[in-house]
Amino acid sequence: MKTMRNRIITSLFIILLIACSKNQSVEKSNNKWSKTKRLKHINNTKDSMTWDMEMLENDKQLIEIGDFGPFELGAYPVPKYSLLGEESFKGLGNKSGVFKLKDKTLLMNSFFIGQNELNKNRLNNKKDEIFFQIIVLTDTINNNNQSLVLSRNHPDYLGQGFFKTKNNRIDYLAFKTADNTAYAIINTKLFDLNFGKTVLVTPQKDKTLRFLQLASPELISDSITKYTNDLIKENAISRFLLKSNNI
């Protein structure tokens, strides 16, 4: 009986060791960003000694520069990016395009973040990561379509823009945080991008909207055009885009 009890205690001890080891591995893999770093960063946003005043002076030139989406561009002091590490920011951008499906025209835009010290473990060897893609069916190509992606919330990033059809304006905003949380808003509809970073939008003849969120593969800026071309030719996707009630 005593031997059996000792075996049970030994087994439980081994299980605890394995669990602790797994927890340590998870912590180690996520050590580029943490709650402690977040709190320190928040405190830096309140401390004028950490602010990048040269950047603020440059950003003042953007005040009322134009319409780039649902939010007016703001100029505000932010901590020096280097306080989070010299390699914590390596750039970001957007990739857009115009696509044809039979007699329909589709407009696409996407936002991406370059590989840096905070995301390189997650990106492995990829040069960047697409964190949001929007594809909109349109009945006109309006040269006033605009978009902008901003780093001023570093290490979180935000992109916004709009598309205009003949009778609709599609406003969109997306953001990704350092802890890999991502959301988008399209004309007040909310999307959790961790369940799919690609969103298709089809304006209807009655001015309502239809959405289709897709769990796209991991994408980079170099592959997004080919991915979009292939995607819109898939049977289920083309049926969605070519429905009779669409514009």
Protein backbone atom coordinates (compact mmCIF):
# COMPACT_ATOMS: atom_id res chain seq x y z
CA MET A 1 0.00 0.00 0.00
CA LYS A 2 2.85 2.31 0.91
CA THR A 3 4.60 1.52 -2.38
CA MET A 4 1.45 2.38 -4.35
CA ARG A 5 1.15 5.69 -2.48
CA ASN A 6 4.76 6.54 -3.27
CA ARG A 7 4.20 5.80 -6.95
CA ILE A 8 1.17 8.10 -7.03
CA ILE A 9 3.13 10.89 -5.30
CA THR A 10 6.03 10.42 -7.72
CA SER A 11 3.67 10.54 -10.73
CA LEU A 12 2.05 13.73 -9.48
CA PHE A 13 5.47 15.30 -8.94
CA ILE A 14 6.49 14.46 -12.52
CA ILE A 15 3.25 15.95 -13.88
CA LEU A 16 3.88 19.15 -11.92
CA LEU A 17 7.43 19.35 -13.28
CA ILE A 18 6.16 18.97 -16.86
CA ALA A 19 3.50 21.65 -16.32
CA CYS A 20 6.04 24.07 -14.85
CA SER A 21 8.41 23.37 -17.72
CA LYS A 22 5.65 24.11 -20.27
CA ASN A 23 4.74 27.35 -18.51
CA GLN A 24 8.38 28.44 -18.48
CA SER A 25 8.64 27.64 -22.20
CA VAL A 26 5.57 29.76 -22.95
CA GLU A 27 6.95 32.65 -20.91
CA LYS A 28 10.30 32.35 -22.65
CA SER A 29 8.69 32.38 -26.11
CA ASN A 30 6.72 35.51 -25.22
CA ASN A 31 9.53 37.37 -23.50
CA LYS A 32 9.72 40.07 -26.19
CA TRP A 33 6.60 41.74 -24.80
CA SER A 34 5.02 41.56 -21.35
CA LYS A 35 2.63 43.27 -18.97
CA THR A 36 5.63 44.84 -17.22
CA LYS A 37 6.85 46.37 -20.49
CA ARG A 38 3.33 47.57 -21.29
CA LEU A 39 3.03 49.34 -17.93
CA LYS A 40 6.44 50.95 -18.38
CA HIS A 41 5.46 52.12 -21.86
CA ILE A 42 2.20 53.60 -20.54
CA ASN A 43 4.15 55.48 -17.89
CA ASN A 44 6.52 56.79 -20.56
CA THR A 45 3.58 58.27 -22.47
CA LYS A 46 2.98 60.45 -19.39
CA ASP A 47 6.63 61.41 -18.92
CA SER A 48 7.67 64.34 -21.11
CA MET A 49 11.34 63.44 -20.61
CA THR A 50 10.81 60.35 -22.80
CA TRP A 51 8.97 62.09 -25.63
CA ASP A 52 10.32 62.42 -29.16
CA MET A 53 9.83 66.16 -29.68
CA GLU A 54 11.39 66.19 -33.16
CA MET A 55 8.80 63.66 -34.29
CA LEU A 56 6.03 65.78 -32.80
CA GLU A 57 7.21 68.85 -34.70
CA ASN A 58 7.14 66.85 -37.93
CA ASP A 59 3.68 65.46 -37.15
CA LYS A 60 2.28 68.97 -36.78
CA GLN A 61 2.59 69.22 -40.56
CA LEU A 62 -0.03 66.48 -40.89
CA ILE A 63 -2.76 68.40 -39.05
CA GLU A 64 -5.72 68.89 -41.42
CA ILE A 65 -3.62 67.60 -44.33
CA GLY A 66 -6.57 65.68 -45.78
CA ASP A 67 -9.12 62.90 -45.44
CA PHE A 68 -7.52 59.52 -44.81
CA GLY A 69 -10.38 57.60 -43.24
CA PRO A 70 -12.83 57.65 -40.39
CA PHE A 71 -10.52 59.50 -37.96
CA GLU A 72 -8.90 62.90 -38.30
CA LEU A 73 -5.12 62.60 -37.99
CA GLY A 74 -3.86 63.75 -34.63
CA ALA A 75 -0.45 65.11 -33.62
CA TYR A 76 0.57 64.17 -30.08
CA PRO A 77 3.78 63.40 -28.17
CA VAL A 78 4.93 59.78 -28.02
CA PRO A 79 7.90 58.11 -26.29
CA LYS A 80 11.06 57.58 -28.31
CA TYR A 81 10.74 54.29 -30.19
CA SER A 82 14.26 53.30 -29.10
CA LEU A 83 13.10 53.04 -25.48
CA LEU A 84 11.56 49.69 -26.47
CA GLY A 85 14.81 48.58 -28.12
CA GLU A 86 16.89 49.86 -31.02
CA GLU A 87 15.40 47.23 -33.35
CA SER A 88 11.85 47.37 -31.98
CA PHE A 89 10.54 49.19 -35.07
CA LYS A 90 11.58 48.24 -38.61
CA GLY A 91 8.83 49.87 -40.63
CA LEU A 92 5.28 49.20 -41.81
CA GLY A 93 3.19 49.96 -44.85
CA ASN A 94 0.27 49.08 -47.07
CA LYS A 95 -0.18 47.18 -50.34
CA SER A 96 -3.20 47.84 -52.55
CA GLY A 97 -4.52 46.83 -55.95
CA VAL A 98 -7.38 46.71 -58.46
CA PHE A 99 -8.74 43.32 -59.58
CA LYS A 100 -11.28 42.11 -62.13
CA LEU A 101 -13.77 39.25 -61.81
CA LYS A 102 -15.83 38.91 -64.99
CA ASP A 103 -17.52 42.30 -65.33
CA LYS A 104 -16.92 43.26 -61.69
CA THR A 105 -14.19 45.47 -60.24
CA LEU A 106 -12.63 44.85 -56.84
CA LEU A 107 -10.46 47.20 -54.80
CA MET A 108 -8.01 45.78 -52.26
CA ASN A 109 -5.88 47.27 -49.53
CA SER A 110 -3.75 45.65 -46.83
CA PHE A 111 -1.57 46.73 -43.92
CA PHE A 112 1.71 45.09 -42.93
CA ILE A 113 4.33 45.34 -40.16
CA GLY A 114 8.03 44.73 -40.78
CA GLN A 115 9.90 42.11 -38.81
CA ASN A 116 11.41 43.60 -35.65
CA GLU A 117 12.76 42.57 -32.27
CA LEU A 118 9.27 42.34 -30.77
CA ASN A 119 7.68 40.11 -33.43
CA LYS A 120 10.59 38.20 -34.97
CA ASN A 121 9.96 35.04 -32.92
CA ARG A 122 6.42 34.89 -34.29
CA LEU A 123 7.38 35.80 -37.87
CA ASN A 124 10.29 33.33 -38.04
CA ASN A 125 12.07 34.22 -41.30
CA LYS A 126 9.30 36.32 -42.89
CA LYS A 127 10.25 39.90 -43.82
CA ASP A 128 6.89 41.28 -42.68
CA GLU A 129 3.33 40.26 -41.83
CA ILE A 130 -0.02 41.33 -43.25
CA PHE A 131 -2.33 42.01 -40.31
CA PHE A 132 -5.40 43.17 -42.26
CA GLN A 133 -6.74 42.90 -45.80
CA ILE A 134 -9.95 44.41 -47.15
CA ILE A 135 -11.45 43.62 -50.56
CA VAL A 136 -14.37 45.78 -51.69
CA LEU A 137 -16.68 45.28 -54.66
CA THR A 138 -17.15 48.61 -56.43
CA ASP A 139 -19.13 50.06 -59.32
CA THR A 140 -16.65 52.89 -59.87
CA ILE A 141 -12.94 53.53 -59.47
CA ASN A 142 -12.75 56.73 -57.47
CA ASN A 143 -9.36 58.38 -57.34
CA ASN A 144 -10.24 59.83 -53.94
CA ASN A 145 -9.85 56.44 -52.22
CA GLN A 146 -7.28 56.93 -49.46
CA SER A 147 -5.50 54.98 -46.73
CA LEU A 148 -2.78 55.48 -44.16
CA VAL A 149 -0.96 53.22 -41.70
CA LEU A 150 0.61 54.80 -38.61
CA SER A 151 3.34 53.85 -36.15
CA ARG A 152 2.63 56.54 -33.57
CA ASN A 153 1.12 53.99 -31.19
CA HIS A 154 4.36 51.95 -31.34
CA PRO A 155 4.59 49.05 -30.46
CA ASP A 156 0.94 48.92 -31.58
CA TYR A 157 0.04 49.92 -35.13
CA LEU A 158 -3.08 51.34 -36.74
CA GLY A 159 -4.19 51.68 -40.35
CA GLN A 160 -7.28 53.34 -41.76
CA GLY A 161 -8.82 54.35 -45.05
CA PHE A 162 -11.94 54.47 -47.19
CA PHE A 163 -13.34 53.41 -50.54
CA LYS A 164 -16.09 55.21 -52.41
CA THR A 165 -18.64 53.52 -54.65
CA LYS A 166 -21.36 55.44 -56.47
CA ASN A 167 -23.69 55.34 -53.45
CA ASN A 168 -21.55 54.08 -50.56
CA ARG A 169 -18.49 55.09 -48.61
CA ILE A 170 -16.70 52.17 -46.98
CA ASP A 171 -14.69 53.41 -43.99
CA TYR A 172 -12.30 51.01 -42.33
CA LEU A 173 -9.80 50.93 -39.50
CA ALA A 174 -7.59 48.10 -38.25
CA PHE A 175 -4.99 47.79 -35.52
CA LYS A 176 -2.56 45.22 -34.16
CA THR A 177 -0.96 45.29 -30.72
CA ALA A 178 2.43 44.06 -29.57
CA ASP A 179 0.80 41.07 -27.88
CA ASN A 180 -0.65 39.91 -31.24
CA THR A 181 -4.22 41.11 -30.75
CA ALA A 182 -5.84 42.53 -33.88
CA TYR A 183 -9.24 44.06 -34.66
CA ALA A 184 -10.87 45.94 -37.52
CA ILE A 185 -13.96 48.13 -37.86
CA ILE A 186 -15.69 48.54 -41.22
CA ASN A 187 -18.64 50.96 -41.24
CA THR A 188 -19.18 50.26 -37.49
CA LYS A 189 -19.01 46.44 -37.85
CA LEU A 190 -16.35 44.91 -35.61
CA PHE A 191 -14.02 42.06 -36.69
CA ASP A 192 -11.67 40.02 -34.52
CA LEU A 193 -8.78 39.55 -36.94
CA ASN A 194 -7.36 36.64 -34.98
CA PHE A 195 -10.20 34.66 -36.60
CA GLY A 196 -9.39 35.86 -40.12
CA LYS A 197 -7.44 38.85 -41.38
CA THR A 198 -9.17 39.07 -44.79
CA VAL A 199 -12.60 40.73 -45.06
CA LEU A 200 -14.65 40.95 -48.27
CA VAL A 201 -17.27 43.69 -48.56
CA THR A 202 -20.08 43.71 -51.12
CA PRO A 203 -22.29 46.82 -51.15
CA GLN A 204 -25.85 46.01 -52.12
CA LYS A 205 -28.20 47.74 -54.50
CA ASP A 206 -30.29 48.86 -51.51
CA LYS A 207 -27.14 50.47 -49.97
CA THR A 208 -26.76 47.82 -47.26
CA LEU A 209 -23.55 45.81 -46.93
CA ARG A 210 -22.59 42.14 -46.86
CA PHE A 211 -19.37 40.89 -45.28
CA LEU A 212 -17.34 37.71 -45.54
CA GLN A 213 -14.42 37.20 -43.13
CA LEU A 214 -11.84 34.62 -44.15
CA ALA A 215 -9.16 32.79 -42.18
CA SER A 216 -6.44 33.52 -44.71
CA PRO A 217 -2.98 31.96 -44.44
CA GLU A 218 0.02 33.86 -43.07
CA LEU A 219 0.69 36.52 -45.70
CA ILE A 220 3.50 38.94 -46.49
CA SER A 221 3.45 42.07 -48.63
CA ASP A 222 5.17 40.28 -51.54
CA SER A 223 2.49 37.56 -51.73
CA ILE A 224 -0.71 39.53 -51.15
CA THR A 225 -1.36 40.35 -54.84
CA LYS A 226 -1.07 36.72 -55.99
CA TYR A 227 -3.15 35.57 -53.02
CA THR A 228 -5.92 38.00 -53.94
CA ASN A 229 -5.91 36.97 -57.60
CA ASP A 230 -6.20 33.31 -56.62
CA LEU A 231 -8.76 33.95 -53.89
CA ILE A 232 -11.37 35.74 -56.00
CA LYS A 233 -11.35 32.85 -58.50
CA GLU A 234 -12.35 30.27 -55.89
CA ASN A 235 -15.90 29.04 -56.46
CA ALA A 236 -17.34 30.00 -53.07
CA ILE A 237 -15.71 33.42 -53.16
CA SER A 238 -16.70 34.24 -56.74
CA ARG A 239 -20.31 33.25 -55.97
CA PHE A 240 -20.29 35.68 -53.04
CA LEU A 241 -18.87 38.48 -55.18
CA LEU A 242 -21.20 37.89 -58.14
CA LYS A 243 -24.55 37.64 -56.31
CA SER A 244 -27.39 39.40 -58.11
CA ASN A 245 -28.15 41.81 -55.29
CA ASN A 246 -24.60 43.18 -55.29
CA ILE A 247 -23.94 46.51 -56.97
